[in-house]
């Protein structure tokens, strides 16, 4: 019985010993299956300095590149966007308001009324004939005969440019060849208030106008044409001496 029991005890003891893992010493190498893990652990524990010391390399600083951050993208804020739109709209509105005025004030080469107006020789009336109207320059061109006018003014004869604007209230003064006044036919007569002016220089003889018709200076060119300086800035106030301002049509000169 003891032999059977002892045999059984030996068998159980042997089974226990087979089930237990083999003991390893603290200084002995790890099992073959765990060798890679231990090696990685030892390598990770070593520093770069230890590695260079083991290989006999000098311990110098390692030049590690410093990362440079990328510049932040510029993002237009909502406030800046709204302010930019407001000032842009305000600027455009001011340009729209001031632009026409600036364009009007910008100096240009004037033509027609307000600047020099050319009169061809064919448009110059003969001496003593009816006046000729120039619509572009807004004046009547009169060619006076030399001598004494019906009103007693002395003139050497020549050309006078009379502004068609009445000195009273600015109405346009027409030439009335059929109008009879003071026993003579042919007068400049304002249709608004009846101011009446002579054919021989536009001298006022009747009506509420404060003076005679205003005149424009003119120059006679070598070919017989005329250059008349028109506009309010060039006009000379009319007076009883209008006939003396006449310029001979055959000689260069100027009348004020």
C-alpha atoms as a PDB file:
ATOM      1  CA  UNK A   1       0.000   0.000   0.000  1.00  0.00           C
ATOM      2  CA  UNK A   2       2.825   2.378   0.817  1.00  0.00           C
ATOM      3  CA  UNK A   3       4.405   1.578  -2.512  1.00  0.00           C
ATOM      4  CA  UNK A   4       1.244   2.418  -4.320  1.00  0.00           C
ATOM      5  CA  UNK A   5       0.757   5.550  -2.273  1.00  0.00           C
ATOM      6  CA  UNK A   6       4.392   6.512  -2.646  1.00  0.00           C
ATOM      7  CA  UNK A   7       4.246   5.975  -6.343  1.00  0.00           C
ATOM      8  CA  UNK A   8       1.198   8.110  -6.482  1.00  0.00           C
ATOM      9  CA  UNK A   9       2.902  10.762  -4.401  1.00  0.00           C
ATOM     10  CA  UNK A  10       5.900  10.796  -6.704  1.00  0.00           C
ATOM     11  CA  UNK A  11       3.682  11.094  -9.700  1.00  0.00           C
ATOM     12  CA  UNK A  12       1.834  14.045  -8.239  1.00  0.00           C
ATOM     13  CA  UNK A  13       5.056  15.718  -7.261  1.00  0.00           C
ATOM     14  CA  UNK A  14       6.457  15.244 -10.731  1.00  0.00           C
ATOM     15  CA  UNK A  15       3.349  16.716 -12.246  1.00  0.00           C
ATOM     16  CA  UNK A  16       3.592  19.761 -10.018  1.00  0.00           C
ATOM     17  CA  UNK A  17       7.199  20.266 -10.958  1.00  0.00           C
ATOM     18  CA  UNK A  18       6.396  20.108 -14.647  1.00  0.00           C
ATOM     19  CA  UNK A  19       3.626  22.663 -14.327  1.00  0.00           C
ATOM     20  CA  UNK A  20       5.848  25.274 -12.571  1.00  0.00           C
ATOM     21  CA  UNK A  21       7.965  27.572 -14.859  1.00  0.00           C
ATOM     22  CA  UNK A  22      11.731  27.306 -14.539  1.00  0.00           C
ATOM     23  CA  UNK A  23      13.235  29.677 -12.039  1.00  0.00           C
ATOM     24  CA  UNK A  24      15.613  32.322 -13.290  1.00  0.00           C
ATOM     25  CA  UNK A  25      18.318  33.978 -11.329  1.00  0.00           C
ATOM     26  CA  UNK A  26      18.382  37.707 -10.841  1.00  0.00           C
ATOM     27  CA  UNK A  27      21.661  37.961 -12.702  1.00  0.00           C
ATOM     28  CA  UNK A  28      20.923  35.429 -15.384  1.00  0.00           C
ATOM     29  CA  UNK A  29      19.687  36.233 -18.840  1.00  0.00           C
ATOM     30  CA  UNK A  30      15.954  36.450 -19.506  1.00  0.00           C
ATOM     31  CA  UNK A  31      14.176  33.657 -21.333  1.00  0.00           C
ATOM     32  CA  UNK A  32      14.708  33.549 -25.039  1.00  0.00           C
ATOM     33  CA  UNK A  33      11.166  34.834 -25.781  1.00  0.00           C
ATOM     34  CA  UNK A  34      11.627  37.972 -23.704  1.00  0.00           C
ATOM     35  CA  UNK A  35      15.103  38.934 -25.003  1.00  0.00           C
ATOM     36  CA  UNK A  36      13.794  41.476 -27.529  1.00  0.00           C
ATOM     37  CA  UNK A  37      11.673  43.239 -24.937  1.00  0.00           C
ATOM     38  CA  UNK A  38      14.536  43.544 -22.490  1.00  0.00           C
ATOM     39  CA  UNK A  39      16.855  44.847 -25.181  1.00  0.00           C
ATOM     40  CA  UNK A  40      14.411  47.595 -26.190  1.00  0.00           C
ATOM     41  CA  UNK A  41      13.962  48.544 -22.558  1.00  0.00           C
ATOM     42  CA  UNK A  42      17.701  48.881 -22.037  1.00  0.00           C
ATOM     43  CA  UNK A  43      18.144  50.906 -25.224  1.00  0.00           C
ATOM     44  CA  UNK A  44      15.331  53.259 -24.344  1.00  0.00           C
ATOM     45  CA  UNK A  45      16.864  53.806 -20.944  1.00  0.00           C
ATOM     46  CA  UNK A  46      20.131  54.961 -22.461  1.00  0.00           C
ATOM     47  CA  UNK A  47      20.431  58.661 -23.263  1.00  0.00           C
ATOM     48  CA  UNK A  48      22.001  60.144 -26.345  1.00  0.00           C
ATOM     49  CA  UNK A  49      24.979  61.140 -24.205  1.00  0.00           C
ATOM     50  CA  UNK A  50      25.463  57.547 -22.948  1.00  0.00           C
ATOM     51  CA  UNK A  51      25.307  56.274 -26.492  1.00  0.00           C
ATOM     52  CA  UNK A  52      27.972  58.748 -27.679  1.00  0.00           C
ATOM     53  CA  UNK A  53      30.147  57.933 -24.596  1.00  0.00           C
ATOM     54  CA  UNK A  54      29.979  54.215 -25.303  1.00  0.00           C
ATOM     55  CA  UNK A  55      31.039  54.804 -28.927  1.00  0.00           C
ATOM     56  CA  UNK A  56      33.886  57.103 -27.863  1.00  0.00           C
ATOM     57  CA  UNK A  57      32.354  60.186 -29.542  1.00  0.00           C
ATOM     58  CA  UNK A  58      32.724  63.679 -28.066  1.00  0.00           C
ATOM     59  CA  UNK A  59      29.856  64.959 -25.998  1.00  0.00           C
ATOM     60  CA  UNK A  60      28.780  68.034 -27.994  1.00  0.00           C
ATOM     61  CA  UNK A  61      25.506  69.804 -28.227  1.00  0.00           C
ATOM     62  CA  UNK A  62      23.086  68.359 -30.682  1.00  0.00           C
ATOM     63  CA  UNK A  63      21.845  70.965 -33.172  1.00  0.00           C
ATOM     64  CA  UNK A  64      18.156  70.404 -33.121  1.00  0.00           C
ATOM     65  CA  UNK A  65      16.278  72.605 -35.651  1.00  0.00           C
ATOM     66  CA  UNK A  66      13.729  74.918 -34.086  1.00  0.00           C
ATOM     67  CA  UNK A  67      10.311  74.802 -35.639  1.00  0.00           C
ATOM     68  CA  UNK A  68       9.191  78.177 -37.002  1.00  0.00           C
ATOM     69  CA  UNK A  69       5.456  78.767 -36.711  1.00  0.00           C
ATOM     70  CA  UNK A  70       3.635  79.698 -39.896  1.00  0.00           C
ATOM     71  CA  UNK A  71       2.304  83.267 -40.053  1.00  0.00           C
ATOM     72  CA  UNK A  72      -1.292  83.550 -39.098  1.00  0.00           C
ATOM     73  CA  UNK A  73      -3.508  84.334 -42.090  1.00  0.00           C
ATOM     74  CA  UNK A  74      -4.991  87.844 -42.052  1.00  0.00           C
ATOM     75  CA  UNK A  75      -8.695  87.577 -41.631  1.00  0.00           C
ATOM     76  CA  UNK A  76     -10.802  90.691 -42.217  1.00  0.00           C
ATOM     77  CA  UNK A  77     -13.007  91.192 -39.239  1.00  0.00           C
ATOM     78  CA  UNK A  78     -16.674  91.931 -39.605  1.00  0.00           C
ATOM     79  CA  UNK A  79     -16.186  95.371 -38.053  1.00  0.00           C
ATOM     80  CA  UNK A  80     -13.448  96.278 -40.533  1.00  0.00           C
ATOM     81  CA  UNK A  81     -15.546  95.017 -43.440  1.00  0.00           C
ATOM     82  CA  UNK A  82     -18.564  97.100 -42.405  1.00  0.00           C
ATOM     83  CA  UNK A  83     -16.451 100.238 -41.876  1.00  0.00           C
ATOM     84  CA  UNK A  84     -14.761  99.797 -45.245  1.00  0.00           C
ATOM     85  CA  UNK A  85     -18.106  99.490 -46.994  1.00  0.00           C
ATOM     86  CA  UNK A  86     -19.458 102.574 -45.215  1.00  0.00           C
ATOM     87  CA  UNK A  87     -16.528 104.835 -46.102  1.00  0.00           C
ATOM     88  CA  UNK A  88     -16.457 103.565 -49.681  1.00  0.00           C
ATOM     89  CA  UNK A  89     -20.143 104.364 -50.122  1.00  0.00           C
ATOM     90  CA  UNK A  90     -19.695 107.794 -48.545  1.00  0.00           C
ATOM     91  CA  UNK A  91     -16.761 108.591 -50.842  1.00  0.00           C
ATOM     92  CA  UNK A  92     -18.716 107.596 -53.935  1.00  0.00           C
ATOM     93  CA  UNK A  93     -21.657 109.716 -52.811  1.00  0.00           C
ATOM     94  CA  UNK A  94     -19.444 112.781 -52.345  1.00  0.00           C
ATOM     95  CA  UNK A  95     -17.872 112.268 -55.750  1.00  0.00           C
ATOM     96  CA  UNK A  96     -21.324 112.017 -57.272  1.00  0.00           C
ATOM     97  CA  UNK A  97     -22.388 115.284 -55.648  1.00  0.00           C
ATOM     98  CA  UNK A  98     -19.221 117.279 -56.276  1.00  0.00           C
ATOM     99  CA  UNK A  99     -18.261 115.779 -59.626  1.00  0.00           C
ATOM    100  CA  UNK A 100     -20.664 117.776 -61.829  1.00  0.00           C
ATOM    101  CA  UNK A 101     -19.698 121.031 -60.117  1.00  0.00           C
ATOM    102  CA  UNK A 102     -15.991 120.355 -60.550  1.00  0.00           C
ATOM    103  CA  UNK A 103     -16.553 119.392 -64.153  1.00  0.00           C
ATOM    104  CA  UNK A 104     -18.452 122.641 -64.717  1.00  0.00           C
ATOM    105  CA  UNK A 105     -15.687 124.729 -63.113  1.00  0.00           C
ATOM    106  CA  UNK A 106     -12.905 122.987 -65.002  1.00  0.00           C
ATOM    107  CA  UNK A 107     -11.483 125.455 -67.536  1.00  0.00           C
ATOM    108  CA  UNK A 108     -11.929 124.525 -71.152  1.00  0.00           C
ATOM    109  CA  UNK A 109     -11.353 126.089 -74.480  1.00  0.00           C
ATOM    110  CA  UNK A 110     -14.549 128.066 -74.822  1.00  0.00           C
ATOM    111  CA  UNK A 111     -16.422 128.325 -78.075  1.00  0.00           C
ATOM    112  CA  UNK A 112     -19.480 130.360 -78.816  1.00  0.00           C
ATOM    113  CA  UNK A 113     -20.827 132.792 -76.260  1.00  0.00           C
ATOM    114  CA  UNK A 114     -18.311 133.443 -73.514  1.00  0.00           C
ATOM    115  CA  UNK A 115     -15.323 133.090 -75.820  1.00  0.00           C
ATOM    116  CA  UNK A 116     -14.036 134.406 -79.138  1.00  0.00           C
ATOM    117  CA  UNK A 117     -16.488 134.129 -82.017  1.00  0.00           C
ATOM    118  CA  UNK A 118     -15.394 134.301 -85.639  1.00  0.00           C
ATOM    119  CA  UNK A 119     -17.395 136.233 -88.225  1.00  0.00           C
ATOM    120  CA  UNK A 120     -16.697 135.575 -91.901  1.00  0.00           C
ATOM    121  CA  UNK A 121     -16.440 138.522 -94.361  1.00  0.00           C
ATOM    122  CA  UNK A 122     -19.713 137.477 -95.966  1.00  0.00           C
ATOM    123  CA  UNK A 123     -21.522 138.034 -92.656  1.00  0.00           C
ATOM    124  CA  UNK A 124     -20.326 141.613 -92.281  1.00  0.00           C
ATOM    125  CA  UNK A 125     -23.125 144.029 -93.279  1.00  0.00           C
ATOM    126  CA  UNK A 126     -22.429 146.956 -95.632  1.00  0.00           C
ATOM    127  CA  UNK A 127     -22.094 150.443 -94.074  1.00  0.00           C
ATOM    128  CA  UNK A 128     -25.471 151.978 -93.118  1.00  0.00           C
ATOM    129  CA  UNK A 129     -27.438 148.746 -93.748  1.00  0.00           C
ATOM    130  CA  UNK A 130     -29.564 146.797 -91.289  1.00  0.00           C
ATOM    131  CA  UNK A 131     -27.724 145.040 -88.460  1.00  0.00           C
ATOM    132  CA  UNK A 132     -26.909 141.313 -88.751  1.00  0.00           C
ATOM    133  CA  UNK A 133     -27.600 139.053 -85.792  1.00  0.00           C
ATOM    134  CA  UNK A 134     -24.994 136.518 -84.679  1.00  0.00           C
ATOM    135  CA  UNK A 135     -26.767 133.795 -82.716  1.00  0.00           C
ATOM    136  CA  UNK A 136     -23.593 132.041 -81.624  1.00  0.00           C
ATOM    137  CA  UNK A 137     -22.102 135.128 -80.009  1.00  0.00           C
ATOM    138  CA  UNK A 138     -25.438 136.719 -78.998  1.00  0.00           C
ATOM    139  CA  UNK A 139     -24.709 140.085 -80.542  1.00  0.00           C
ATOM    140  CA  UNK A 140     -25.874 142.400 -83.282  1.00  0.00           C
ATOM    141  CA  UNK A 141     -23.185 143.416 -85.769  1.00  0.00           C
ATOM    142  CA  UNK A 142     -23.694 147.011 -86.922  1.00  0.00           C
ATOM    143  CA  UNK A 143     -21.694 148.767 -89.646  1.00  0.00           C
ATOM    144  CA  UNK A 144     -21.941 152.525 -89.115  1.00  0.00           C
ATOM    145  CA  UNK A 145     -21.531 155.125 -91.803  1.00  0.00           C
ATOM    146  CA  UNK A 146     -18.996 157.852 -91.092  1.00  0.00           C
ATOM    147  CA  UNK A 147     -20.353 161.226 -90.015  1.00  0.00           C
ATOM    148  CA  UNK A 148     -23.027 162.394 -87.650  1.00  0.00           C
ATOM    149  CA  UNK A 149     -25.781 160.069 -86.496  1.00  0.00           C
ATOM    150  CA  UNK A 150     -29.440 161.192 -86.418  1.00  0.00           C
ATOM    151  CA  UNK A 151     -29.009 161.699 -82.658  1.00  0.00           C
ATOM    152  CA  UNK A 152     -26.014 163.977 -83.148  1.00  0.00           C
ATOM    153  CA  UNK A 153     -23.221 161.518 -82.227  1.00  0.00           C
ATOM    154  CA  UNK A 154     -20.039 161.775 -84.264  1.00  0.00           C
ATOM    155  CA  UNK A 155     -18.467 158.612 -85.644  1.00  0.00           C
ATOM    156  CA  UNK A 156     -15.726 157.725 -88.051  1.00  0.00           C
ATOM    157  CA  UNK A 157     -17.782 154.756 -89.149  1.00  0.00           C
ATOM    158  CA  UNK A 158     -17.033 151.087 -88.698  1.00  0.00           C
ATOM    159  CA  UNK A 159     -18.208 147.950 -86.932  1.00  0.00           C
ATOM    160  CA  UNK A 160     -19.841 147.689 -83.508  1.00  0.00           C
ATOM    161  CA  UNK A 161     -20.918 144.461 -81.777  1.00  0.00           C
ATOM    162  CA  UNK A 162     -23.994 145.098 -79.579  1.00  0.00           C
ATOM    163  CA  UNK A 163     -24.962 142.537 -76.936  1.00  0.00           C
ATOM    164  CA  UNK A 164     -28.542 141.417 -77.539  1.00  0.00           C
ATOM    165  CA  UNK A 165     -29.247 141.436 -73.768  1.00  0.00           C
ATOM    166  CA  UNK A 166     -31.298 144.423 -72.612  1.00  0.00           C
ATOM    167  CA  UNK A 167     -29.531 146.301 -69.768  1.00  0.00           C
ATOM    168  CA  UNK A 168     -32.877 146.623 -67.977  1.00  0.00           C
ATOM    169  CA  UNK A 169     -33.918 143.081 -67.035  1.00  0.00           C
ATOM    170  CA  UNK A 170     -32.018 140.922 -69.526  1.00  0.00           C
ATOM    171  CA  UNK A 171     -34.628 140.406 -72.241  1.00  0.00           C
ATOM    172  CA  UNK A 172     -33.357 139.768 -75.766  1.00  0.00           C
ATOM    173  CA  UNK A 173     -33.543 142.956 -77.796  1.00  0.00           C
ATOM    174  CA  UNK A 174     -34.650 142.425 -81.432  1.00  0.00           C
ATOM    175  CA  UNK A 175     -34.036 144.646 -84.421  1.00  0.00           C
ATOM    176  CA  UNK A 176     -37.323 146.214 -85.568  1.00  0.00           C
ATOM    177  CA  UNK A 177     -36.856 147.554 -89.140  1.00  0.00           C
ATOM    178  CA  UNK A 178     -40.557 148.442 -89.368  1.00  0.00           C
ATOM    179  CA  UNK A 179     -40.836 150.233 -86.017  1.00  0.00           C
ATOM    180  CA  UNK A 180     -41.228 154.005 -86.352  1.00  0.00           C
ATOM    181  CA  UNK A 181     -40.169 156.309 -83.550  1.00  0.00           C
ATOM    182  CA  UNK A 182     -39.219 160.000 -83.549  1.00  0.00           C
ATOM    183  CA  UNK A 183     -40.096 160.113 -87.255  1.00  0.00           C
ATOM    184  CA  UNK A 184     -37.541 157.423 -88.208  1.00  0.00           C
ATOM    185  CA  UNK A 185     -37.904 153.758 -89.088  1.00  0.00           C
ATOM    186  CA  UNK A 186     -35.694 151.010 -87.763  1.00  0.00           C
ATOM    187  CA  UNK A 187     -34.881 150.682 -84.074  1.00  0.00           C
ATOM    188  CA  UNK A 188     -33.709 148.195 -81.492  1.00  0.00           C
ATOM    189  CA  UNK A 189     -36.744 147.850 -79.223  1.00  0.00           C
ATOM    190  CA  UNK A 190     -37.062 145.604 -76.165  1.00  0.00           C
ATOM    191  CA  UNK A 191     -40.340 143.606 -76.234  1.00  0.00           C
ATOM    192  CA  UNK A 192     -40.495 143.383 -72.429  1.00  0.00           C
ATOM    193  CA  UNK A 193     -40.686 147.025 -71.312  1.00  0.00           C
ATOM    194  CA  UNK A 194     -40.272 149.060 -74.467  1.00  0.00           C
ATOM    195  CA  UNK A 195     -36.704 150.334 -74.090  1.00  0.00           C
ATOM    196  CA  UNK A 196     -35.681 151.725 -77.483  1.00  0.00           C
ATOM    197  CA  UNK A 197     -32.152 152.039 -78.908  1.00  0.00           C
ATOM    198  CA  UNK A 198     -30.765 153.587 -82.096  1.00  0.00           C
ATOM    199  CA  UNK A 199     -29.507 151.588 -85.029  1.00  0.00           C
ATOM    200  CA  UNK A 200     -26.344 153.725 -85.004  1.00  0.00           C
ATOM    201  CA  UNK A 201     -24.677 152.125 -81.973  1.00  0.00           C
ATOM    202  CA  UNK A 202     -27.581 151.051 -79.732  1.00  0.00           C
ATOM    203  CA  UNK A 203     -27.876 154.334 -77.869  1.00  0.00           C
ATOM    204  CA  UNK A 204     -30.908 154.418 -75.536  1.00  0.00           C
ATOM    205  CA  UNK A 205     -33.502 157.050 -76.411  1.00  0.00           C
ATOM    206  CA  UNK A 206     -36.534 155.735 -74.514  1.00  0.00           C
ATOM    207  CA  UNK A 207     -37.624 153.287 -71.844  1.00  0.00           C
ATOM    208  CA  UNK A 208     -36.672 152.076 -68.354  1.00  0.00           C
ATOM    209  CA  UNK A 209     -33.250 150.719 -69.341  1.00  0.00           C
ATOM    210  CA  UNK A 210     -30.518 152.367 -67.221  1.00  0.00           C
ATOM    211  CA  UNK A 211     -28.071 152.767 -70.113  1.00  0.00           C
ATOM    212  CA  UNK A 212     -27.416 152.088 -73.789  1.00  0.00           C
ATOM    213  CA  UNK A 213     -26.804 148.567 -75.127  1.00  0.00           C
ATOM    214  CA  UNK A 214     -23.529 146.964 -73.988  1.00  0.00           C
ATOM    215  CA  UNK A 215     -20.804 146.294 -76.556  1.00  0.00           C
ATOM    216  CA  UNK A 216     -18.238 143.531 -77.193  1.00  0.00           C
ATOM    217  CA  UNK A 217     -14.663 144.194 -78.342  1.00  0.00           C
ATOM    218  CA  UNK A 218     -13.815 143.017 -81.844  1.00  0.00           C
ATOM    219  CA  UNK A 219     -10.787 142.693 -84.093  1.00  0.00           C
ATOM    220  CA  UNK A 220     -10.637 142.890 -87.892  1.00  0.00           C
ATOM    221  CA  UNK A 221      -8.391 140.263 -89.484  1.00  0.00           C
ATOM    222  CA  UNK A 222      -6.320 140.721 -92.639  1.00  0.00           C
ATOM    223  CA  UNK A 223      -8.799 138.691 -94.698  1.00  0.00           C
ATOM    224  CA  UNK A 224     -11.717 140.893 -93.594  1.00  0.00           C
ATOM    225  CA  UNK A 225     -13.100 138.437 -91.041  1.00  0.00           C
ATOM    226  CA  UNK A 226     -13.787 139.414 -87.451  1.00  0.00           C
ATOM    227  CA  UNK A 227     -12.993 137.994 -84.010  1.00  0.00           C
ATOM    228  CA  UNK A 228     -15.532 139.141 -81.419  1.00  0.00           C
ATOM    229  CA  UNK A 229     -14.764 138.590 -77.723  1.00  0.00           C
ATOM    230  CA  UNK A 230     -18.090 137.689 -76.123  1.00  0.00           C
ATOM    231  CA  UNK A 231     -19.357 137.039 -72.607  1.00  0.00           C
ATOM    232  CA  UNK A 232     -20.206 139.136 -69.547  1.00  0.00           C
ATOM    233  CA  UNK A 233     -16.553 139.371 -68.531  1.00  0.00           C
ATOM    234  CA  UNK A 234     -15.615 141.032 -71.846  1.00  0.00           C
ATOM    235  CA  UNK A 235     -18.661 143.280 -72.274  1.00  0.00           C
ATOM    236  CA  UNK A 236     -18.311 147.026 -71.874  1.00  0.00           C
ATOM    237  CA  UNK A 237     -21.173 148.973 -70.390  1.00  0.00           C
ATOM    238  CA  UNK A 238     -23.122 150.854 -73.007  1.00  0.00           C
ATOM    239  CA  UNK A 239     -23.185 154.623 -73.210  1.00  0.00           C
ATOM    240  CA  UNK A 240     -23.863 157.562 -75.454  1.00  0.00           C
ATOM    241  CA  UNK A 241     -20.364 157.127 -76.914  1.00  0.00           C
ATOM    242  CA  UNK A 242     -21.164 153.706 -78.407  1.00  0.00           C
ATOM    243  CA  UNK A 243     -20.778 155.056 -82.007  1.00  0.00           C
ATOM    244  CA  UNK A 244     -17.218 156.184 -81.232  1.00  0.00           C
ATOM    245  CA  UNK A 245     -16.258 152.572 -80.435  1.00  0.00           C
ATOM    246  CA  UNK A 246     -16.664 151.530 -84.067  1.00  0.00           C
ATOM    247  CA  UNK A 247     -13.699 149.773 -85.735  1.00  0.00           C
ATOM    248  CA  UNK A 248     -13.064 150.399 -89.464  1.00  0.00           C
ATOM    249  CA  UNK A 249     -13.734 147.160 -91.379  1.00  0.00           C
ATOM    250  CA  UNK A 250     -10.681 147.516 -93.606  1.00  0.00           C
ATOM    251  CA  UNK A 251      -8.060 148.018 -90.888  1.00  0.00           C
ATOM    252  CA  UNK A 252      -7.056 145.847 -87.956  1.00  0.00           C
ATOM    253  CA  UNK A 253      -8.050 147.167 -84.594  1.00  0.00           C
ATOM    254  CA  UNK A 254     -10.157 146.547 -81.549  1.00  0.00           C
ATOM    255  CA  UNK A 255     -13.186 148.118 -79.962  1.00  0.00           C
ATOM    256  CA  UNK A 256     -13.980 147.934 -76.273  1.00  0.00           C
END
